All heavy atoms as atom14 arrays in JSON, in Angstrom:
{
  "sequence": "ALSVSSVTGKPVMFASTGESLDDFELFHPDRMASRILD",
  "atom14_mask": [
    [1, 1, 1, 1, 1, 0, 0, 0, 0, 0, 0, 0, 0, 0],
    [1, 1, 1, 1, 1, 1, 1, 1, 0, 0, 0, 0, 0, 0],
    [1, 1, 1, 1, 1, 1, 0, 0, 0, 0, 0, 0, 0, 0],
    [1, 1, 1, 1, 1, 1, 1, 0, 0, 0, 0, 0, 0, 0],
    [1, 1, 1, 1, 1, 1, 0, 0, 0, 0, 0, 0, 0, 0],
    [1, 1, 1, 1, 1, 1, 0, 0, 0, 0, 0, 0, 0, 0],
    [1, 1, 1, 1, 1, 1, 1, 0, 0, 0, 0, 0, 0, 0],
    [1, 1, 1, 1, 1, 1, 1, 0, 0, 0, 0, 0, 0, 0],
    [1, 1, 1, 1, 0, 0, 0, 0, 0, 0, 0, 0, 0, 0],
    [1, 1, 1, 1, 1, 1, 1, 1, 1, 0, 0, 0, 0, 0],
    [1, 1, 1, 1, 1, 1, 1, 0, 0, 0, 0, 0, 0, 0],
    [1, 1, 1, 1, 1, 1, 1, 0, 0, 0, 0, 0, 0, 0],
    [1, 1, 1, 1, 1, 1, 1, 1, 0, 0, 0, 0, 0, 0],
    [1, 1, 1, 1, 1, 1, 1, 1, 1, 1, 1, 0, 0, 0],
    [1, 1, 1, 1, 1, 0, 0, 0, 0, 0, 0, 0, 0, 0],
    [1, 1, 1, 1, 1, 1, 0, 0, 0, 0, 0, 0, 0, 0],
    [1, 1, 1, 1, 1, 1, 1, 0, 0, 0, 0, 0, 0, 0],
    [1, 1, 1, 1, 0, 0, 0, 0, 0, 0, 0, 0, 0, 0],
    [1, 1, 1, 1, 1, 1, 1, 1, 1, 0, 0, 0, 0, 0],
    [1, 1, 1, 1, 1, 1, 0, 0, 0, 0, 0, 0, 0, 0],
    [1, 1, 1, 1, 1, 1, 1, 1, 0, 0, 0, 0, 0, 0],
    [1, 1, 1, 1, 1, 1, 1, 1, 0, 0, 0, 0, 0, 0],
    [1, 1, 1, 1, 1, 1, 1, 1, 0, 0, 0, 0, 0, 0],
    [1, 1, 1, 1, 1, 1, 1, 1, 1, 1, 1, 0, 0, 0],
    [1, 1, 1, 1, 1, 1, 1, 1, 1, 0, 0, 0, 0, 0],
    [1, 1, 1, 1, 1, 1, 1, 1, 0, 0, 0, 0, 0, 0],
    [1, 1, 1, 1, 1, 1, 1, 1, 1, 1, 1, 0, 0, 0],
    [1, 1, 1, 1, 1, 1, 1, 1, 1, 1, 0, 0, 0, 0],
    [1, 1, 1, 1, 1, 1, 1, 0, 0, 0, 0, 0, 0, 0],
    [1, 1, 1, 1, 1, 1, 1, 1, 0, 0, 0, 0, 0, 0],
    [1, 1, 1, 1, 1, 1, 1, 1, 1, 1, 1, 0, 0, 0],
    [1, 1, 1, 1, 1, 1, 1, 1, 0, 0, 0, 0, 0, 0],
    [1, 1, 1, 1, 1, 0, 0, 0, 0, 0, 0, 0, 0, 0],
    [1, 1, 1, 1, 1, 1, 0, 0, 0, 0, 0, 0, 0, 0],
    [1, 1, 1, 1, 1, 1, 1, 1, 1, 1, 1, 0, 0, 0],
    [1, 1, 1, 1, 1, 1, 1, 1, 0, 0, 0, 0, 0, 0],
    [1, 1, 1, 1, 1, 1, 1, 1, 0, 0, 0, 0, 0, 0],
    [1, 1, 1, 1, 1, 1, 1, 1, 0, 0, 0, 0, 0, 0]
  ],
  "atom14_positions": [
    [[5.49, -10.73, -3.32], [5.97, -9.37, -3.08], [7.31, -9.05, -3.66], [7.61, -7.93, -4.06], [5.96, -9.01, -1.55], [0.0, 0.0, 0.0], [0.0, 0.0, 0.0], [0.0, 0.0, 0.0], [0.0, 0.0, 0.0], [0.0, 0.0, 0.0], [0.0, 0.0, 0.0], [0.0, 0.0, 0.0], [0.0, 0.0, 0.0], [0.0, 0.0, 0.0]],
    [[8.16, -10.07, -3.66], [9.52, -9.9, -4.21], [9.59, -10.18, -5.68], [10.62, -9.88, -6.32], [10.5, -10.87, -3.41], [10.58, -10.65, -1.95], [11.45, -11.71, -1.26], [11.13, -9.28, -1.58], [0.0, 0.0, 0.0], [0.0, 0.0, 0.0], [0.0, 0.0, 0.0], [0.0, 0.0, 0.0], [0.0, 0.0, 0.0], [0.0, 0.0, 0.0]],
    [[8.56, -10.72, -6.29], [8.59, -11.13, -7.67], [7.89, -10.14, -8.64], [8.46, -9.79, -9.63], [8.0, -12.51, -7.86], [8.63, -13.42, -7.01], [0.0, 0.0, 0.0], [0.0, 0.0, 0.0], [0.0, 0.0, 0.0], [0.0, 0.0, 0.0], [0.0, 0.0, 0.0], [0.0, 0.0, 0.0], [0.0, 0.0, 0.0], [0.0, 0.0, 0.0]],
    [[6.74, -9.74, -8.23], [5.85, -9.01, -9.17], [6.46, -7.69, -9.65], [6.46, -7.39, -10.76], [4.46, -8.77, -8.52], [3.59, -7.91, -9.46], [3.78, -10.1, -8.23], [0.0, 0.0, 0.0], [0.0, 0.0, 0.0], [0.0, 0.0, 0.0], [0.0, 0.0, 0.0], [0.0, 0.0, 0.0], [0.0, 0.0, 0.0], [0.0, 0.0, 0.0]],
    [[6.93, -6.91, -8.67], [7.47, -5.59, -9.03], [8.67, -5.75, -9.94], [8.89, -5.01, -10.92], [7.9, -4.85, -7.79], [8.42, -3.61, -8.1], [0.0, 0.0, 0.0], [0.0, 0.0, 0.0], [0.0, 0.0, 0.0], [0.0, 0.0, 0.0], [0.0, 0.0, 0.0], [0.0, 0.0, 0.0], [0.0, 0.0, 0.0], [0.0, 0.0, 0.0]],
    [[9.52, -6.74, -9.66], [10.79, -6.88, -10.44], [10.47, -7.34, -11.85], [11.04, -6.9, -12.8], [11.69, -7.91, -9.76], [12.83, -8.17, -10.48], [0.0, 0.0, 0.0], [0.0, 0.0, 0.0], [0.0, 0.0, 0.0], [0.0, 0.0, 0.0], [0.0, 0.0, 0.0], [0.0, 0.0, 0.0], [0.0, 0.0, 0.0], [0.0, 0.0, 0.0]],
    [[9.47, -8.29, -12.03], [9.11, -8.82, -13.33], [8.4, -7.75, -14.15], [8.69, -7.65, -15.35], [8.36, -10.1, -13.18], [7.79, -10.52, -14.57], [9.11, -11.23, -12.54], [0.0, 0.0, 0.0], [0.0, 0.0, 0.0], [0.0, 0.0, 0.0], [0.0, 0.0, 0.0], [0.0, 0.0, 0.0], [0.0, 0.0, 0.0], [0.0, 0.0, 0.0]],
    [[7.46, -7.05, -13.58], [6.66, -6.13, -14.4], [7.33, -4.77, -14.56], [6.94, -4.02, -15.43], [5.27, -5.99, -13.78], [5.42, -5.42, -12.46], [4.53, -7.33, -13.71], [0.0, 0.0, 0.0], [0.0, 0.0, 0.0], [0.0, 0.0, 0.0], [0.0, 0.0, 0.0], [0.0, 0.0, 0.0], [0.0, 0.0, 0.0], [0.0, 0.0, 0.0]],
    [[8.23, -4.41, -13.62], [8.71, -3.1, -13.61], [7.84, -2.05, -13.01], [8.15, -0.84, -13.1], [0.0, 0.0, 0.0], [0.0, 0.0, 0.0], [0.0, 0.0, 0.0], [0.0, 0.0, 0.0], [0.0, 0.0, 0.0], [0.0, 0.0, 0.0], [0.0, 0.0, 0.0], [0.0, 0.0, 0.0], [0.0, 0.0, 0.0], [0.0, 0.0, 0.0]],
    [[6.73, -2.46, -12.45], [5.76, -1.55, -11.84], [5.95, -1.53, -10.33], [6.2, -2.54, -9.7], [4.34, -1.92, -12.15], [4.03, -2.1, -13.7], [4.21, -0.78, -14.46], [4.14, -0.98, -15.92], [2.76, -1.37, -16.34], [0.0, 0.0, 0.0], [0.0, 0.0, 0.0], [0.0, 0.0, 0.0], [0.0, 0.0, 0.0], [0.0, 0.0, 0.0]],
    [[5.82, -0.34, -9.69], [6.06, -0.26, -8.21], [4.96, -0.82, -7.36], [3.8, -0.75, -7.72], [6.25, 1.23, -8.07], [5.32, 1.85, -9.04], [5.39, 0.92, -10.26], [0.0, 0.0, 0.0], [0.0, 0.0, 0.0], [0.0, 0.0, 0.0], [0.0, 0.0, 0.0], [0.0, 0.0, 0.0], [0.0, 0.0, 0.0], [0.0, 0.0, 0.0]],
    [[5.32, -1.39, -6.21], [4.39, -1.73, -5.19], [4.01, -0.38, -4.44], [4.88, 0.21, -3.9], [4.92, -2.79, -4.27], [3.87, -3.1, -3.16], [5.3, -4.05, -4.92], [0.0, 0.0, 0.0], [0.0, 0.0, 0.0], [0.0, 0.0, 0.0], [0.0, 0.0, 0.0], [0.0, 0.0, 0.0], [0.0, 0.0, 0.0], [0.0, 0.0, 0.0]],
    [[2.71, 0.0, -4.44], [2.38, 1.25, -3.86], [1.7, 1.2, -2.5], [1.95, 2.03, -1.62], [1.46, 2.0, -4.82], [2.06, 2.36, -6.16], [0.95, 3.08, -7.38], [0.41, 4.52, -6.49], [0.0, 0.0, 0.0], [0.0, 0.0, 0.0], [0.0, 0.0, 0.0], [0.0, 0.0, 0.0], [0.0, 0.0, 0.0], [0.0, 0.0, 0.0]],
    [[1.01, 0.11, -2.28], [0.28, -0.03, -0.98], [0.37, -1.46, -0.54], [0.56, -2.43, -1.35], [-1.19, 0.37, -1.08], [-1.4, 1.82, -1.41], [-1.67, 2.22, -2.72], [-1.31, 2.8, -0.43], [-1.86, 3.6, -3.03], [-1.43, 4.12, -0.67], [-1.77, 4.55, -1.98], [0.0, 0.0, 0.0], [0.0, 0.0, 0.0], [0.0, 0.0, 0.0]],
    [[0.13, -1.67, 0.82], [0.07, -3.0, 1.36], [-1.09, -3.1, 2.33], [-1.27, -2.19, 3.16], [1.44, -3.36, 2.12], [0.0, 0.0, 0.0], [0.0, 0.0, 0.0], [0.0, 0.0, 0.0], [0.0, 0.0, 0.0], [0.0, 0.0, 0.0], [0.0, 0.0, 0.0], [0.0, 0.0, 0.0], [0.0, 0.0, 0.0], [0.0, 0.0, 0.0]],
    [[-1.83, -4.19, 2.23], [-2.91, -4.47, 3.17], [-2.42, -5.42, 4.2], [-1.99, -6.54, 3.8], [-4.17, -5.0, 2.42], [-5.14, -5.34, 3.28], [0.0, 0.0, 0.0], [0.0, 0.0, 0.0], [0.0, 0.0, 0.0], [0.0, 0.0, 0.0], [0.0, 0.0, 0.0], [0.0, 0.0, 0.0], [0.0, 0.0, 0.0], [0.0, 0.0, 0.0]],
    [[-2.48, -5.1, 5.47], [-1.85, -5.91, 6.5], [-2.77, -6.54, 7.51], [-2.36, -6.94, 8.58], [-0.75, -5.08, 7.26], [-1.41, -3.91, 7.74], [0.28, -4.63, 6.25], [0.0, 0.0, 0.0], [0.0, 0.0, 0.0], [0.0, 0.0, 0.0], [0.0, 0.0, 0.0], [0.0, 0.0, 0.0], [0.0, 0.0, 0.0], [0.0, 0.0, 0.0]],
    [[-4.11, -6.57, 7.21], [-5.05, -7.13, 8.19], [-6.45, -6.9, 7.65], [-6.69, -6.47, 6.52], [0.0, 0.0, 0.0], [0.0, 0.0, 0.0], [0.0, 0.0, 0.0], [0.0, 0.0, 0.0], [0.0, 0.0, 0.0], [0.0, 0.0, 0.0], [0.0, 0.0, 0.0], [0.0, 0.0, 0.0], [0.0, 0.0, 0.0], [0.0, 0.0, 0.0]],
    [[-7.42, -7.39, 8.45], [-8.85, -7.29, 8.05], [-9.44, -6.0, 8.38], [-10.49, -5.6, 7.7], [-9.58, -8.43, 8.83], [-9.13, -9.84, 8.45], [-9.91, -10.94, 9.16], [-10.84, -10.51, 9.89], [-9.6, -12.11, 9.0], [0.0, 0.0, 0.0], [0.0, 0.0, 0.0], [0.0, 0.0, 0.0], [0.0, 0.0, 0.0], [0.0, 0.0, 0.0]],
    [[-8.99, -5.26, 9.36], [-9.58, -3.95, 9.71], [-9.28, -2.94, 8.55], [-8.27, -3.06, 7.83], [-8.95, -3.44, 10.98], [-9.29, -2.09, 11.27], [0.0, 0.0, 0.0], [0.0, 0.0, 0.0], [0.0, 0.0, 0.0], [0.0, 0.0, 0.0], [0.0, 0.0, 0.0], [0.0, 0.0, 0.0], [0.0, 0.0, 0.0], [0.0, 0.0, 0.0]],
    [[-10.17, -1.93, 8.45], [-9.98, -0.92, 7.41], [-8.78, -0.01, 7.67], [-8.25, 0.61, 6.78], [-11.27, -0.06, 7.31], [-12.53, -0.68, 6.76], [-13.64, 0.33, 6.64], [-12.29, -1.35, 5.42], [0.0, 0.0, 0.0], [0.0, 0.0, 0.0], [0.0, 0.0, 0.0], [0.0, 0.0, 0.0], [0.0, 0.0, 0.0], [0.0, 0.0, 0.0]],
    [[-8.25, -0.1, 8.95], [-7.09, 0.69, 9.27], [-5.83, -0.07, 8.94], [-4.72, 0.52, 8.95], [-7.12, 1.06, 10.76], [-8.24, 1.98, 11.11], [-8.41, 2.96, 10.35], [-8.86, 1.81, 12.13], [0.0, 0.0, 0.0], [0.0, 0.0, 0.0], [0.0, 0.0, 0.0], [0.0, 0.0, 0.0], [0.0, 0.0, 0.0], [0.0, 0.0, 0.0]],
    [[-5.87, -1.39, 8.67], [-4.71, -2.16, 8.3], [-4.31, -1.94, 6.91], [-4.4, -2.87, 6.03], [-4.97, -3.62, 8.63], [-5.23, -3.92, 10.09], [-4.67, -3.13, 10.91], [-6.01, -4.83, 10.43], [0.0, 0.0, 0.0], [0.0, 0.0, 0.0], [0.0, 0.0, 0.0], [0.0, 0.0, 0.0], [0.0, 0.0, 0.0], [0.0, 0.0, 0.0]],
    [[-3.86, -0.77, 6.59], [-3.56, -0.39, 5.2], [-2.39, 0.66, 5.31], [-2.52, 1.6, 6.07], [-4.81, 0.19, 4.49], [-4.58, 0.59, 3.09], [-4.55, -0.41, 2.05], [-4.51, 1.97, 2.71], [-4.38, -0.02, 0.73], [-4.33, 2.29, 1.42], [-4.32, 1.35, 0.45], [0.0, 0.0, 0.0], [0.0, 0.0, 0.0], [0.0, 0.0, 0.0]],
    [[-1.43, 0.45, 4.52], [-0.28, 1.44, 4.6], [0.44, 1.65, 3.31], [0.34, 0.81, 2.36], [0.76, 0.94, 5.64], [1.29, -0.46, 5.26], [2.17, -0.99, 6.41], [1.76, -0.99, 7.57], [3.27, -1.51, 6.1], [0.0, 0.0, 0.0], [0.0, 0.0, 0.0], [0.0, 0.0, 0.0], [0.0, 0.0, 0.0], [0.0, 0.0, 0.0]],
    [[1.05, 2.79, 3.13], [1.83, 3.02, 1.96], [3.04, 2.13, 2.02], [3.64, 1.9, 3.05], [2.33, 4.6, 2.07], [2.95, 5.15, 0.81], [1.87, 5.27, -0.29], [3.44, 6.56, 1.13], [0.0, 0.0, 0.0], [0.0, 0.0, 0.0], [0.0, 0.0, 0.0], [0.0, 0.0, 0.0], [0.0, 0.0, 0.0], [0.0, 0.0, 0.0]],
    [[3.42, 1.66, 0.85], [4.55, 0.61, 0.78], [5.86, 1.42, 0.64], [6.04, 2.12, -0.32], [4.29, -0.31, -0.33], [5.29, -1.45, -0.38], [4.99, -2.64, 0.29], [6.45, -1.4, -1.14], [5.88, -3.72, 0.31], [7.33, -2.51, -1.21], [7.03, -3.64, -0.47], [0.0, 0.0, 0.0], [0.0, 0.0, 0.0], [0.0, 0.0, 0.0]],
    [[6.73, 1.12, 1.59], [8.08, 1.69, 1.53], [9.11, 0.56, 1.26], [9.34, -0.26, 2.19], [8.46, 2.44, 2.8], [7.58, 3.59, 3.22], [7.7, 4.81, 2.64], [6.47, 3.67, 3.96], [6.79, 5.58, 3.06], [6.01, 4.89, 3.95], [0.0, 0.0, 0.0], [0.0, 0.0, 0.0], [0.0, 0.0, 0.0], [0.0, 0.0, 0.0]],
    [[9.68, 0.45, 0.11], [10.58, -0.64, -0.21], [11.75, -0.76, 0.76], [12.17, -1.88, 1.16], [11.12, -0.35, -1.6], [10.01, 0.43, -2.21], [9.49, 1.3, -1.1], [0.0, 0.0, 0.0], [0.0, 0.0, 0.0], [0.0, 0.0, 0.0], [0.0, 0.0, 0.0], [0.0, 0.0, 0.0], [0.0, 0.0, 0.0], [0.0, 0.0, 0.0]],
    [[12.35, 0.41, 1.17], [13.44, 0.32, 2.04], [13.09, -0.18, 3.45], [13.81, -0.91, 4.08], [14.15, 1.74, 2.21], [13.16, 2.79, 2.54], [11.94, 2.63, 2.4], [13.55, 3.84, 3.03], [0.0, 0.0, 0.0], [0.0, 0.0, 0.0], [0.0, 0.0, 0.0], [0.0, 0.0, 0.0], [0.0, 0.0, 0.0], [0.0, 0.0, 0.0]],
    [[11.9, 0.22, 3.93], [11.43, -0.28, 5.22], [11.07, -1.76, 5.21], [11.34, -2.49, 6.15], [10.24, 0.58, 5.68], [10.52, 2.02, 5.88], [9.36, 2.8, 6.37], [9.53, 4.22, 6.26], [8.64, 5.12, 6.69], [7.42, 4.71, 7.2], [8.82, 6.41, 6.52], [0.0, 0.0, 0.0], [0.0, 0.0, 0.0], [0.0, 0.0, 0.0]],
    [[10.48, -2.19, 4.07], [10.12, -3.66, 3.93], [11.4, -4.46, 3.92], [11.5, -5.57, 4.48], [9.32, -3.85, 2.69], [8.79, -5.32, 2.53], [7.93, -5.96, 4.0], [6.43, -4.99, 3.83], [0.0, 0.0, 0.0], [0.0, 0.0, 0.0], [0.0, 0.0, 0.0], [0.0, 0.0, 0.0], [0.0, 0.0, 0.0], [0.0, 0.0, 0.0]],
    [[12.45, -3.98, 3.24], [13.73, -4.71, 3.19], [14.27, -4.83, 4.59], [14.82, -5.83, 4.97], [14.68, -4.0, 2.21], [0.0, 0.0, 0.0], [0.0, 0.0, 0.0], [0.0, 0.0, 0.0], [0.0, 0.0, 0.0], [0.0, 0.0, 0.0], [0.0, 0.0, 0.0], [0.0, 0.0, 0.0], [0.0, 0.0, 0.0], [0.0, 0.0, 0.0]],
    [[14.21, -3.72, 5.38], [14.69, -3.74, 6.74], [13.94, -4.8, 7.59], [14.55, -5.43, 8.4], [14.65, -2.4, 7.41], [15.45, -1.5, 6.8], [0.0, 0.0, 0.0], [0.0, 0.0, 0.0], [0.0, 0.0, 0.0], [0.0, 0.0, 0.0], [0.0, 0.0, 0.0], [0.0, 0.0, 0.0], [0.0, 0.0, 0.0], [0.0, 0.0, 0.0]],
    [[12.71, -4.88, 7.37], [11.82, -5.91, 8.11], [12.27, -7.3, 7.75], [12.42, -8.18, 8.63], [10.38, -5.74, 7.77], [9.72, -4.48, 8.38], [8.18, -4.6, 8.17], [7.59, -3.23, 8.25], [6.28, -3.07, 8.21], [5.5, -4.01, 8.09], [5.77, -1.82, 8.24], [0.0, 0.0, 0.0], [0.0, 0.0, 0.0], [0.0, 0.0, 0.0]],
    [[12.49, -7.53, 6.46], [12.92, -8.85, 5.99], [14.28, -9.23, 6.62], [14.5, -10.42, 7.0], [12.99, -8.91, 4.44], [11.56, -8.8, 3.87], [13.61, -10.24, 4.01], [11.52, -8.63, 2.38], [0.0, 0.0, 0.0], [0.0, 0.0, 0.0], [0.0, 0.0, 0.0], [0.0, 0.0, 0.0], [0.0, 0.0, 0.0], [0.0, 0.0, 0.0]],
    [[15.19, -8.27, 6.7], [16.51, -8.55, 7.33], [16.53, -8.41, 8.79], [17.57, -8.41, 9.36], [17.55, -7.6, 6.66], [17.78, -7.83, 5.13], [18.78, -6.83, 4.65], [18.26, -9.22, 4.87], [0.0, 0.0, 0.0], [0.0, 0.0, 0.0], [0.0, 0.0, 0.0], [0.0, 0.0, 0.0], [0.0, 0.0, 0.0], [0.0, 0.0, 0.0]],
    [[15.36, -8.31, 9.45], [15.23, -8.25, 10.9], [15.95, -7.04, 11.46], [16.46, -7.08, 12.6], [15.75, -9.52, 11.51], [15.23, -9.71, 12.95], [14.25, -9.07, 13.29], [15.87, -10.49, 13.7], [0.0, 0.0, 0.0], [0.0, 0.0, 0.0], [0.0, 0.0, 0.0], [0.0, 0.0, 0.0], [0.0, 0.0, 0.0], [0.0, 0.0, 0.0]]
  ]
}
């Protein structure tokens, strides 16, 4: 997740977070960074 966007220059648009069809969300870089930094 931290490599692909930086190397290709293409944005991460969505993230699949589980097996259910509802486990799908729009990818927000600022929110993901906040999660990584707790």
